[in-house]
Amino acid sequence: MRRSSVRVRTLSTAAVYVVLGFVVVAALVVSTGAGLGDALSGWFVGAFGNGYNLVQTLSNATPLALVAVGVAIALRANVITVGAEGQMIVGAIFATGVSLWLGDSVALPIGLLLGALAGIVGGALWALPAALAKVRWNVNEILFTLLANYIATYQLVFLLRTVLRDPTSAGSPQSAELPGAFVLFQLPLPGRLHFGAVIVVVIVAAAVWWNASRSAFLVDVYGQRPILAARLGLTPARAVIGTMLVSGAAAGLAGWMQVAGVTQRLEPDVSGGIGFAGLAVAVLGRGNPVGIVIAAIVYASLGTGASGVQIATGTVPTSIGTVSQGVLLLAAALALSADKLAARSAARSAARSGVRSGAEQRAKEVSA
């Protein structure tokens, strides 16, 4: 089976899952007595209807796109990491720790650079054990990274109750505010969109360029034919560790952006489910950077447009946004399963073809 035909089939399957998911959401809307036209109109107004709503949608889509770009690289190598949630948390912890430690002793550009580097290092380090366990002992990366998320969460709670706790805060555990040199400034737009959005645009552009490179081709080959990729120079260790480190670094950078650009302090819900949603966005975007950006905006708009749906219909609660996002997550999970089944089928077909070719070659040699 050709790789192009596999991609077309899995893309069609993913589209079917997404359409079926939205049919379910439409049925829920109709069940409340609301009209679909009113709901769609309200969603569009709530998500894109004016400058403020549009900016808020883009703001929510920014970390989703960043996490998804990193996860997509691992998915291309057939490595399924669900650890972006924990990697975001650890990246945010590292960035906050460096920021509070250095304080006002550095200038603004240096502070942002150090904060970003700390987030990248934290996220990559949290992804490294799962990568090493996968390479050394073939430990399932899904299970490893999933459990690592829980460890990161409890680690965050512990630190916010001890060394990182703001002594002046009498409410929920949180860190002190970041020094000014480590805070991302807001763009001059209605709503809250920080400079991290510009950084994400640059990263997406770099991902588009990388997609056309030889290294991206080798990662794709490894995802389908690991032995062939090794012959071309990409060993399993390099493929798995490299892609998981990139994925962790992207998630850690997103964690830094949430702290430096949104909350401006470390809080218990710093990740906010963005890591899991980023995996869904990567799958729905089919690993293409432009597709990922579109998927991130659509996913974010389901949340920001929910209030518009409620206003327009009067019967549909704002929780329809959370329900719609959950449906997209389920669609992404089903699409990912379809991808895995298609990849296994292609690998078996290639193996059978290789066996037949080898047998035919040996038969020719014997007859000669």
Protein backbone atom coordinates (compact mmCIF):
# COMPACT_ATOMS: atom_id res chain seq x y z
CA MET A 1 0.00 0.00 0.00
CA ARG A 2 1.39 3.37 -0.99
CA ARG A 3 2.03 5.91 1.71
CA SER A 4 0.04 8.58 -0.15
CA SER A 5 -3.02 6.33 -0.32
CA VAL A 6 -2.70 5.64 3.42
CA ARG A 7 -2.63 9.37 4.14
CA VAL A 8 -5.69 10.01 1.96
CA ARG A 9 -7.61 7.22 3.65
CA THR A 10 -6.74 8.32 7.20
CA LEU A 11 -7.49 11.95 6.33
CA SER A 12 -10.92 10.92 5.05
CA THR A 13 -11.50 8.84 8.18
CA ALA A 14 -10.56 11.75 10.44
CA ALA A 15 -12.94 14.04 8.52
CA VAL A 16 -15.75 11.52 8.99
CA TYR A 17 -15.13 11.38 12.74
CA VAL A 18 -15.15 15.17 13.01
CA VAL A 19 -18.36 15.48 10.98
CA LEU A 20 -20.06 12.79 13.05
CA GLY A 21 -18.95 14.58 16.21
CA PHE A 22 -20.50 17.85 15.12
CA VAL A 23 -23.67 15.98 14.16
CA VAL A 24 -23.86 14.88 17.79
CA VAL A 25 -23.35 18.48 18.95
CA ALA A 26 -26.02 19.69 16.51
CA ALA A 27 -28.43 17.09 17.89
CA LEU A 28 -27.78 18.36 21.42
CA VAL A 29 -28.47 21.94 20.32
CA VAL A 30 -31.72 20.94 18.59
CA SER A 31 -32.80 18.96 21.66
CA THR A 32 -32.91 22.20 23.65
CA GLY A 33 -35.38 23.71 21.20
CA ALA A 34 -32.86 26.04 19.59
CA GLY A 35 -32.33 26.49 15.87
CA LEU A 36 -29.05 25.45 14.28
CA GLY A 37 -28.89 28.70 12.31
CA ASP A 38 -29.18 30.77 15.47
CA ALA A 39 -26.56 28.64 17.23
CA LEU A 40 -24.07 28.96 14.37
CA SER A 41 -24.65 32.68 14.10
CA GLY A 42 -24.17 33.10 17.84
CA TRP A 43 -21.00 31.00 17.79
CA PHE A 44 -19.50 33.10 15.00
CA VAL A 45 -20.34 36.38 16.72
CA GLY A 46 -19.02 35.13 20.06
CA ALA A 47 -15.74 33.91 18.56
CA PHE A 48 -15.06 36.33 15.68
CA GLY A 49 -17.84 38.94 15.70
CA ASN A 50 -15.71 41.90 16.81
CA GLY A 51 -12.10 42.78 17.45
CA TYR A 52 -12.15 41.83 21.11
CA ASN A 53 -13.74 38.41 20.53
CA LEU A 54 -11.35 37.66 17.67
CA VAL A 55 -8.32 38.57 19.75
CA GLN A 56 -9.53 36.38 22.63
CA THR A 57 -9.94 33.44 20.26
CA LEU A 58 -6.45 33.95 18.88
CA SER A 59 -5.09 34.29 22.41
CA ASN A 60 -6.57 30.92 23.40
CA ALA A 61 -5.35 29.33 20.17
CA THR A 62 -1.74 30.49 20.63
CA PRO A 63 -0.56 27.89 23.21
CA LEU A 64 -2.63 25.18 21.51
CA ALA A 65 -0.82 25.72 18.21
CA LEU A 66 2.59 25.77 19.89
CA VAL A 67 2.01 22.51 21.78
CA ALA A 68 0.50 20.88 18.69
CA VAL A 69 3.46 21.75 16.45
CA GLY A 70 5.77 19.97 18.89
CA VAL A 71 3.49 16.96 19.34
CA ALA A 72 3.05 16.63 15.58
CA ILE A 73 6.77 16.03 15.11
CA ALA A 74 6.64 13.09 17.51
CA LEU A 75 3.50 11.74 15.83
CA ARG A 76 5.28 11.75 12.48
CA ALA A 77 7.79 9.33 14.00
CA ASN A 78 4.86 7.19 15.20
CA VAL A 79 5.64 8.21 18.79
CA ILE A 80 2.46 9.05 20.68
CA THR A 81 3.26 11.30 23.61
CA VAL A 82 0.45 12.50 25.86
CA GLY A 83 2.82 14.22 28.25
CA ALA A 84 2.51 17.81 27.01
CA GLU A 85 0.37 18.67 30.04
CA GLY A 86 3.12 17.72 32.48
CA GLN A 87 5.83 19.21 30.28
CA MET A 88 3.96 22.52 30.27
CA ILE A 89 3.79 22.43 34.05
CA VAL A 90 7.50 21.69 34.48
CA GLY A 91 8.42 24.33 31.91
CA ALA A 92 6.33 26.86 33.82
CA ILE A 93 7.98 25.81 37.09
CA PHE A 94 11.47 26.22 35.64
CA ALA A 95 10.61 29.59 34.09
CA THR A 96 9.06 30.86 37.32
CA GLY A 97 11.97 29.64 39.42
CA VAL A 98 14.53 31.38 37.22
CA SER A 99 12.47 34.57 37.09
CA LEU A 100 12.00 34.84 40.85
CA TRP A 101 15.62 33.86 41.52
CA LEU A 102 17.10 36.52 39.23
CA GLY A 103 14.50 39.16 40.09
CA ASP A 104 15.14 42.63 38.74
CA SER A 105 18.86 42.04 38.19
CA VAL A 106 18.47 41.60 34.41
CA ALA A 107 17.09 43.79 31.65
CA LEU A 108 13.85 43.08 29.78
CA PRO A 109 15.18 41.29 26.67
CA ILE A 110 17.55 39.13 28.72
CA GLY A 111 14.81 38.28 31.20
CA LEU A 112 12.44 37.09 28.47
CA LEU A 113 15.19 35.06 26.83
CA LEU A 114 16.20 33.39 30.08
CA GLY A 115 12.57 32.66 30.96
CA ALA A 116 11.94 31.10 27.56
CA LEU A 117 15.11 29.00 27.76
CA ALA A 118 14.16 27.82 31.25
CA GLY A 119 10.75 26.75 29.99
CA ILE A 120 12.28 24.91 27.03
CA VAL A 121 14.80 23.10 29.23
CA GLY A 122 12.15 22.15 31.79
CA GLY A 123 9.79 20.71 29.19
CA ALA A 124 12.55 18.82 27.38
CA LEU A 125 13.95 17.35 30.59
CA TRP A 126 10.49 16.12 31.60
CA ALA A 127 10.14 14.38 28.22
CA LEU A 128 13.61 12.78 28.38
CA PRO A 129 12.89 9.89 30.82
CA ALA A 130 10.00 8.63 28.70
CA ALA A 131 12.18 8.79 25.58
CA LEU A 132 15.05 6.92 27.22
CA ALA A 133 12.70 4.28 28.62
CA LYS A 134 11.17 3.81 25.18
CA VAL A 135 14.55 3.34 23.53
CA ARG A 136 16.21 1.25 26.25
CA TRP A 137 13.38 -0.98 27.46
CA ASN A 138 10.60 -0.35 24.91
CA VAL A 139 8.37 1.09 27.63
CA ASN A 140 5.04 2.31 26.26
CA GLU A 141 5.42 6.07 25.82
CA ILE A 142 1.69 6.70 26.21
CA LEU A 143 1.53 5.16 29.67
CA PHE A 144 4.84 6.70 30.78
CA THR A 145 3.99 10.24 29.73
CA LEU A 146 0.46 9.97 31.09
CA LEU A 147 1.74 9.00 34.54
CA ALA A 148 4.39 11.73 34.34
CA ASN A 149 1.56 14.27 34.03
CA TYR A 150 0.26 13.30 37.46
CA ILE A 151 3.72 13.55 38.99
CA ALA A 152 4.17 17.02 37.51
CA THR A 153 0.78 18.14 38.82
CA TYR A 154 1.47 17.02 42.40
CA GLN A 155 4.97 18.48 42.17
CA LEU A 156 3.47 21.84 41.21
CA VAL A 157 1.03 21.76 44.14
CA PHE A 158 3.84 20.88 46.54
CA LEU A 159 6.10 23.70 45.33
CA LEU A 160 3.28 26.26 45.46
CA ARG A 161 2.67 25.30 49.07
CA THR A 162 6.35 25.49 50.01
CA VAL A 163 9.31 27.16 48.30
CA LEU A 164 7.40 28.97 45.55
CA ARG A 165 4.45 30.12 47.65
CA ASP A 166 3.78 33.85 47.78
CA PRO A 167 3.98 34.72 51.49
CA THR A 168 1.65 37.68 50.97
CA SER A 169 -1.12 35.54 49.47
CA ALA A 170 -3.77 34.30 51.87
CA GLY A 171 -5.86 32.61 49.18
CA SER A 172 -5.12 29.66 46.93
CA PRO A 173 -1.49 28.60 46.58
CA GLN A 174 0.36 30.70 44.02
CA SER A 175 3.76 32.20 43.44
CA ALA A 176 4.70 35.84 43.70
CA GLU A 177 4.27 37.98 40.62
CA LEU A 178 7.07 37.72 38.06
CA PRO A 179 9.52 40.63 37.91
CA GLY A 180 8.83 43.08 35.10
CA ALA A 181 11.81 41.94 33.03
CA PHE A 182 10.27 38.45 32.73
CA VAL A 183 6.73 39.47 31.71
CA LEU A 184 5.61 39.27 28.08
CA PHE A 185 4.09 42.58 27.00
CA GLN A 186 0.62 42.75 25.50
CA LEU A 187 0.13 43.59 21.84
CA PRO A 188 -1.70 46.87 21.10
CA LEU A 189 -4.97 45.13 20.23
CA PRO A 190 -8.40 44.90 21.87
CA GLY A 191 -8.39 41.97 24.28
CA ARG A 192 -5.40 40.21 25.80
CA LEU A 193 -2.94 38.90 23.20
CA HIS A 194 0.69 38.89 24.29
CA PHE A 195 3.91 38.95 22.27
CA GLY A 196 4.10 35.16 22.51
CA ALA A 197 1.67 35.02 19.58
CA VAL A 198 4.37 36.55 17.37
CA ILE A 199 6.85 33.93 18.61
CA VAL A 200 4.38 31.17 17.74
CA VAL A 201 3.96 32.58 14.22
CA VAL A 202 7.74 32.43 13.76
CA ILE A 203 7.83 28.84 15.08
CA VAL A 204 5.03 27.79 12.74
CA ALA A 205 6.91 29.36 9.81
CA ALA A 206 10.03 27.44 10.85
CA ALA A 207 7.96 24.24 11.02
CA VAL A 208 6.71 24.85 7.47
CA TRP A 209 10.31 25.18 6.31
CA TRP A 210 11.38 22.08 8.26
CA ASN A 211 8.59 20.02 6.68
CA ALA A 212 10.37 20.31 3.35
CA SER A 213 13.76 19.27 4.73
CA ARG A 214 15.53 15.93 4.54
CA SER A 215 15.31 15.44 8.30
CA ALA A 216 11.51 15.68 8.15
CA PHE A 217 11.53 13.12 5.34
CA LEU A 218 13.63 10.77 7.46
CA VAL A 219 11.26 11.17 10.41
CA ASP A 220 8.37 10.26 8.11
CA VAL A 221 10.27 7.24 6.85
CA TYR A 222 10.99 6.14 10.42
CA GLY A 223 7.30 6.37 11.25
CA GLN A 224 6.53 3.86 8.51
CA ARG A 225 9.73 1.85 8.00
CA PRO A 226 12.16 2.12 10.97
CA ILE A 227 14.68 -0.30 9.45
CA LEU A 228 14.83 1.66 6.21
CA ALA A 229 15.23 4.91 8.17
CA ALA A 230 18.16 3.39 10.09
CA ARG A 231 19.84 2.53 6.79
CA LEU A 232 19.37 6.14 5.72
CA GLY A 233 21.03 7.38 8.92
CA LEU A 234 18.16 7.90 11.37
CA THR A 235 18.47 5.35 14.16
CA PRO A 236 15.56 4.54 16.52
CA ALA A 237 17.36 6.25 19.40
CA ARG A 238 17.82 9.48 17.47
CA ALA A 239 14.26 9.41 16.13
CA VAL A 240 12.50 8.74 19.42
CA ILE A 241 14.68 10.88 21.69
CA GLY A 242 14.95 13.73 19.20
CA THR A 243 11.23 14.02 18.45
CA MET A 244 10.20 13.65 22.10
CA LEU A 245 12.70 16.30 23.19
CA VAL A 246 11.34 18.72 20.58
CA SER A 247 7.80 17.96 21.67
CA GLY A 248 8.70 18.53 25.33
CA ALA A 249 10.56 21.74 24.53
CA ALA A 250 7.56 23.15 22.68
CA ALA A 251 5.24 22.29 25.58
CA GLY A 252 7.68 23.81 28.09
CA LEU A 253 7.83 26.99 26.03
CA ALA A 254 4.03 27.11 26.07
CA GLY A 255 4.15 26.78 29.86
CA TRP A 256 6.48 29.77 30.03
CA MET A 257 4.13 31.78 27.81
CA GLN A 258 1.17 31.04 30.06
CA VAL A 259 3.07 32.27 33.10
CA ALA A 260 4.85 35.22 31.48
CA GLY A 261 2.03 36.38 29.23
CA VAL A 262 -1.28 35.39 30.82
CA THR A 263 -1.22 34.88 34.60
CA GLN A 264 2.15 36.60 35.27
CA ARG A 265 2.56 34.25 38.23
CA LEU A 266 2.59 30.48 38.69
CA GLU A 267 -0.79 29.02 39.60
CA PRO A 268 -2.08 25.44 40.10
CA ASP A 269 -4.05 25.45 36.82
CA VAL A 270 -1.25 26.83 34.66
CA SER A 271 -1.68 24.11 32.03
CA GLY A 272 -5.48 24.24 31.97
CA GLY A 273 -5.83 21.14 29.79
CA ILE A 274 -3.88 22.77 26.96
CA GLY A 275 -1.46 19.83 26.76
CA PHE A 276 -4.20 17.29 26.06
CA ALA A 277 -6.01 19.66 23.71
CA GLY A 278 -2.74 20.27 21.85
CA LEU A 279 -2.54 16.56 21.02
CA ALA A 280 -6.05 16.71 19.55
CA VAL A 281 -5.15 19.81 17.54
CA ALA A 282 -2.02 18.09 16.18
CA VAL A 283 -4.08 15.10 15.05
CA LEU A 284 -6.87 17.19 13.55
CA GLY A 285 -4.31 19.36 11.77
CA ARG A 286 -2.82 16.18 10.28
CA GLY A 287 0.68 17.24 11.33
CA ASN A 288 0.72 20.15 8.87
CA PRO A 289 1.71 23.46 10.55
CA VAL A 290 -0.91 25.46 8.63
CA GLY A 291 -3.55 22.83 9.34
CA ILE A 292 -2.56 22.91 13.00
CA VAL A 293 -3.08 26.68 13.18
CA ILE A 294 -6.53 26.33 11.62
CA ALA A 295 -7.43 23.47 13.97
CA ALA A 296 -6.20 25.47 16.98
CA ILE A 297 -8.35 28.47 16.03
CA VAL A 298 -11.41 26.27 15.49
CA TYR A 299 -10.87 24.47 18.79
CA ALA A 300 -10.38 27.74 20.68
CA SER A 301 -13.42 29.31 19.02
CA LEU A 302 -15.66 26.58 20.43
CA GLY A 303 -14.91 27.93 23.89
CA THR A 304 -14.96 31.65 23.16
CA GLY A 305 -18.08 31.36 21.01
CA ALA A 306 -20.10 29.45 23.61
CA SER A 307 -21.41 32.61 25.28
CA GLY A 308 -22.58 33.87 21.89
CA VAL A 309 -24.51 30.63 21.35
CA GLN A 310 -26.27 31.07 24.68
CA ILE A 311 -27.19 34.68 23.93
CA ALA A 312 -28.43 33.89 20.42
CA THR A 313 -30.52 30.86 21.36
CA GLY A 314 -31.52 31.55 24.95
CA THR A 315 -31.74 27.81 25.64
CA VAL A 316 -28.26 26.41 24.99
CA PRO A 317 -25.93 26.80 28.01
CA THR A 318 -22.34 27.95 27.63
CA SER A 319 -21.23 24.43 28.57
CA ILE A 320 -21.92 23.52 24.94
CA GLY A 321 -18.43 24.88 24.24
CA THR A 322 -16.83 22.37 26.60
CA VAL A 323 -19.00 19.60 25.15
CA SER A 324 -17.95 20.52 21.59
CA GLN A 325 -14.28 20.54 22.56
CA GLY A 326 -14.73 17.14 24.20
CA VAL A 327 -16.29 15.81 21.01
CA LEU A 328 -13.28 17.07 19.04
CA LEU A 329 -10.96 15.34 21.50
CA LEU A 330 -12.84 12.09 20.96
CA ALA A 331 -12.71 12.57 17.19
CA ALA A 332 -8.97 13.13 17.41
CA ALA A 333 -8.53 9.97 19.49
CA LEU A 334 -10.47 7.93 16.94
CA ALA A 335 -8.49 9.48 14.09
CA LEU A 336 -5.24 8.66 15.86
CA SER A 337 -6.36 5.06 16.27
CA ALA A 338 -7.19 4.96 12.56
CA ASP A 339 -3.72 6.26 11.77
CA LYS A 340 -2.12 3.54 13.89
CA LEU A 341 -4.18 0.80 12.27
CA ALA A 342 -3.38 2.12 8.79
CA ALA A 343 0.34 2.31 9.62
CA ARG A 344 0.33 -1.27 10.89
CA SER A 345 -1.53 -2.44 7.79
CA ALA A 346 0.96 -0.65 5.55
CA ALA A 347 3.88 -2.16 7.46
CA ARG A 348 2.44 -5.67 7.15
CA SER A 349 1.85 -5.16 3.44
CA ALA A 350 5.40 -3.91 2.97
CA ALA A 351 6.75 -6.85 4.93
CA ARG A 352 4.79 -9.32 2.84
CA SER A 353 5.98 -7.63 -0.34
CA GLY A 354 9.55 -7.81 0.93
CA VAL A 355 9.20 -11.51 1.70
CA ARG A 356 7.76 -12.21 -1.75
CA SER A 357 10.50 -10.19 -3.46
CA GLY A 358 13.17 -12.00 -1.48
CA ALA A 359 11.70 -15.40 -2.30
CA GLU A 360 11.48 -14.56 -5.99
CA GLN A 361 15.09 -13.37 -6.01
CA ARG A 362 16.30 -16.56 -4.31
CA ALA A 363 14.29 -18.67 -6.80
CA LYS A 364 15.95 -16.86 -9.71
CA GLU A 365 19.37 -17.43 -8.19
CA VAL A 366 18.68 -21.16 -7.72
CA SER A 367 17.34 -21.59 -11.25
CA ALA A 368 20.37 -19.79 -12.65
